Amino acid sequence: METRTPIPPPKYLQINYEAMLDDDQPPLLRLAASRSVELNMDDYRRTLALVALREGATWSQIGAALGVTRQTAYGAFGRGLPDDGR
């Protein structure tokens, strides 16, 4: 059985996501929460991409998962990492 690295989303991301979807919240609060989710999602995506790399994924696979090229995925998440040819 393959062991997966647990990658829970950051608490602030969960809180803002839940607030964004909460029909009981006023529209302006939901709008602000949606912006926070948008701004913080890149950090979480980078974390997921780096864990995927550690688990053997390639930049091509990461790009495909995101609907972009491997070069775009590397440009977004791989800057500053050693280039190992994946």
C-alpha atoms as a PDB file:
ATOM      1  CA  MET A   1       0.000   0.000   0.000  1.00  0.00           C
ATOM      2  CA  GLU A   2       1.318   3.417  -0.977  1.00  0.00           C
ATOM      3  CA  THR A   3       1.796   5.924   1.826  1.00  0.00           C
ATOM      4  CA  ARG A   4       0.589   9.440   1.130  1.00  0.00           C
ATOM      5  CA  THR A   5       1.812  12.571   2.815  1.00  0.00           C
ATOM      6  CA  PRO A   6      -1.104  14.237   4.613  1.00  0.00           C
ATOM      7  CA  ILE A   7      -1.517  17.783   3.299  1.00  0.00           C
ATOM      8  CA  PRO A   8      -4.337  19.495   5.150  1.00  0.00           C
ATOM      9  CA  PRO A   9      -5.208  22.948   3.901  1.00  0.00           C
ATOM     10  CA  PRO A  10      -4.120  25.788   6.169  1.00  0.00           C
ATOM     11  CA  LYS A  11      -6.784  26.682   8.732  1.00  0.00           C
ATOM     12  CA  TYR A  12      -7.106  30.264   7.449  1.00  0.00           C
ATOM     13  CA  LEU A  13      -7.870  28.912   3.987  1.00  0.00           C
ATOM     14  CA  GLN A  14     -10.583  26.621   5.339  1.00  0.00           C
ATOM     15  CA  ILE A  15     -12.126  29.402   7.432  1.00  0.00           C
ATOM     16  CA  ASN A  16     -12.264  31.832   4.523  1.00  0.00           C
ATOM     17  CA  TYR A  17     -13.576  29.183   2.152  1.00  0.00           C
ATOM     18  CA  GLU A  18     -16.375  28.302   4.560  1.00  0.00           C
ATOM     19  CA  ALA A  19     -17.208  31.996   5.070  1.00  0.00           C
ATOM     20  CA  MET A  20     -17.270  32.518   1.313  1.00  0.00           C
ATOM     21  CA  LEU A  21     -19.895  29.762   0.908  1.00  0.00           C
ATOM     22  CA  ASP A  22     -22.000  30.678   3.950  1.00  0.00           C
ATOM     23  CA  ASP A  23     -25.345  32.046   2.745  1.00  0.00           C
ATOM     24  CA  ASP A  24     -25.961  33.483   6.225  1.00  0.00           C
ATOM     25  CA  GLN A  25     -23.024  35.884   5.829  1.00  0.00           C
ATOM     26  CA  PRO A  26     -23.446  39.323   4.237  1.00  0.00           C
ATOM     27  CA  PRO A  27     -22.305  39.581   0.597  1.00  0.00           C
ATOM     28  CA  LEU A  28     -19.414  41.955   1.380  1.00  0.00           C
ATOM     29  CA  LEU A  29     -17.964  39.558   3.964  1.00  0.00           C
ATOM     30  CA  ARG A  30     -18.303  36.696   1.486  1.00  0.00           C
ATOM     31  CA  LEU A  31     -16.638  38.807  -1.188  1.00  0.00           C
ATOM     32  CA  ALA A  32     -13.703  39.609   1.113  1.00  0.00           C
ATOM     33  CA  ALA A  33     -13.420  35.936   2.075  1.00  0.00           C
ATOM     34  CA  SER A  34     -13.346  34.941  -1.605  1.00  0.00           C
ATOM     35  CA  ARG A  35     -10.457  37.344  -2.225  1.00  0.00           C
ATOM     36  CA  SER A  36      -8.548  35.884   0.721  1.00  0.00           C
ATOM     37  CA  VAL A  37      -9.068  32.377  -0.645  1.00  0.00           C
ATOM     38  CA  GLU A  38      -7.820  33.498  -4.052  1.00  0.00           C
ATOM     39  CA  LEU A  39      -4.690  35.130  -2.623  1.00  0.00           C
ATOM     40  CA  ASN A  40      -3.806  32.205  -0.359  1.00  0.00           C
ATOM     41  CA  MET A  41      -4.544  29.405  -2.814  1.00  0.00           C
ATOM     42  CA  ASP A  42      -1.227  29.848  -4.648  1.00  0.00           C
ATOM     43  CA  ASP A  43       0.693  29.108  -1.442  1.00  0.00           C
ATOM     44  CA  TYR A  44      -1.325  25.934  -0.930  1.00  0.00           C
ATOM     45  CA  ARG A  45      -0.913  24.896  -4.573  1.00  0.00           C
ATOM     46  CA  ARG A  46       2.851  25.356  -4.245  1.00  0.00           C
ATOM     47  CA  THR A  47       2.841  23.129  -1.166  1.00  0.00           C
ATOM     48  CA  LEU A  48       0.862  20.469  -3.042  1.00  0.00           C
ATOM     49  CA  ALA A  49       3.200  20.696  -6.034  1.00  0.00           C
ATOM     50  CA  LEU A  50       6.309  20.313  -3.877  1.00  0.00           C
ATOM     51  CA  VAL A  51       4.857  17.293  -2.069  1.00  0.00           C
ATOM     52  CA  ALA A  52       3.901  15.777  -5.422  1.00  0.00           C
ATOM     53  CA  LEU A  53       7.512  16.266  -6.569  1.00  0.00           C
ATOM     54  CA  ARG A  54       8.814  14.580  -3.419  1.00  0.00           C
ATOM     55  CA  GLU A  55       6.463  11.677  -4.148  1.00  0.00           C
ATOM     56  CA  GLY A  56       7.904  11.314  -7.654  1.00  0.00           C
ATOM     57  CA  ALA A  57       5.685  13.475  -9.863  1.00  0.00           C
ATOM     58  CA  THR A  58       7.201  15.340 -12.790  1.00  0.00           C
ATOM     59  CA  TRP A  59       6.668  18.978 -13.737  1.00  0.00           C
ATOM     60  CA  SER A  60       4.783  17.687 -16.785  1.00  0.00           C
ATOM     61  CA  GLN A  61       2.372  15.805 -14.532  1.00  0.00           C
ATOM     62  CA  ILE A  62       1.951  18.799 -12.244  1.00  0.00           C
ATOM     63  CA  GLY A  63       1.322  21.032 -15.236  1.00  0.00           C
ATOM     64  CA  ALA A  64      -1.235  18.575 -16.625  1.00  0.00           C
ATOM     65  CA  ALA A  65      -3.053  18.503 -13.266  1.00  0.00           C
ATOM     66  CA  LEU A  66      -3.310  22.291 -13.421  1.00  0.00           C
ATOM     67  CA  GLY A  67      -4.086  22.513 -17.136  1.00  0.00           C
ATOM     68  CA  VAL A  68      -0.827  24.285 -17.976  1.00  0.00           C
ATOM     69  CA  THR A  69       2.550  23.375 -19.492  1.00  0.00           C
ATOM     70  CA  ARG A  70       5.384  21.974 -17.410  1.00  0.00           C
ATOM     71  CA  GLN A  71       7.264  25.227 -17.957  1.00  0.00           C
ATOM     72  CA  THR A  72       4.376  27.259 -16.573  1.00  0.00           C
ATOM     73  CA  ALA A  73       4.053  24.937 -13.565  1.00  0.00           C
ATOM     74  CA  TYR A  74       7.781  25.155 -12.885  1.00  0.00           C
ATOM     75  CA  GLY A  75       7.701  28.935 -13.285  1.00  0.00           C
ATOM     76  CA  ALA A  76       4.853  29.206 -10.803  1.00  0.00           C
ATOM     77  CA  PHE A  77       6.084  26.791  -8.152  1.00  0.00           C
ATOM     78  CA  GLY A  78       9.644  25.688  -8.874  1.00  0.00           C
ATOM     79  CA  ARG A  79      11.637  28.876  -8.684  1.00  0.00           C
ATOM     80  CA  GLY A  80      14.519  28.503  -6.270  1.00  0.00           C
ATOM     81  CA  LEU A  81      14.390  24.702  -6.311  1.00  0.00           C
ATOM     82  CA  PRO A  82      17.271  22.619  -7.607  1.00  0.00           C
ATOM     83  CA  ASP A  83      16.496  21.562 -11.187  1.00  0.00           C
ATOM     84  CA  ASP A  84      16.639  17.779 -11.257  1.00  0.00           C
ATOM     85  CA  GLY A  85      15.372  17.396 -14.807  1.00  0.00           C
ATOM     86  CA  ARG A  86      11.829  16.404 -13.948  1.00  0.00           C
END
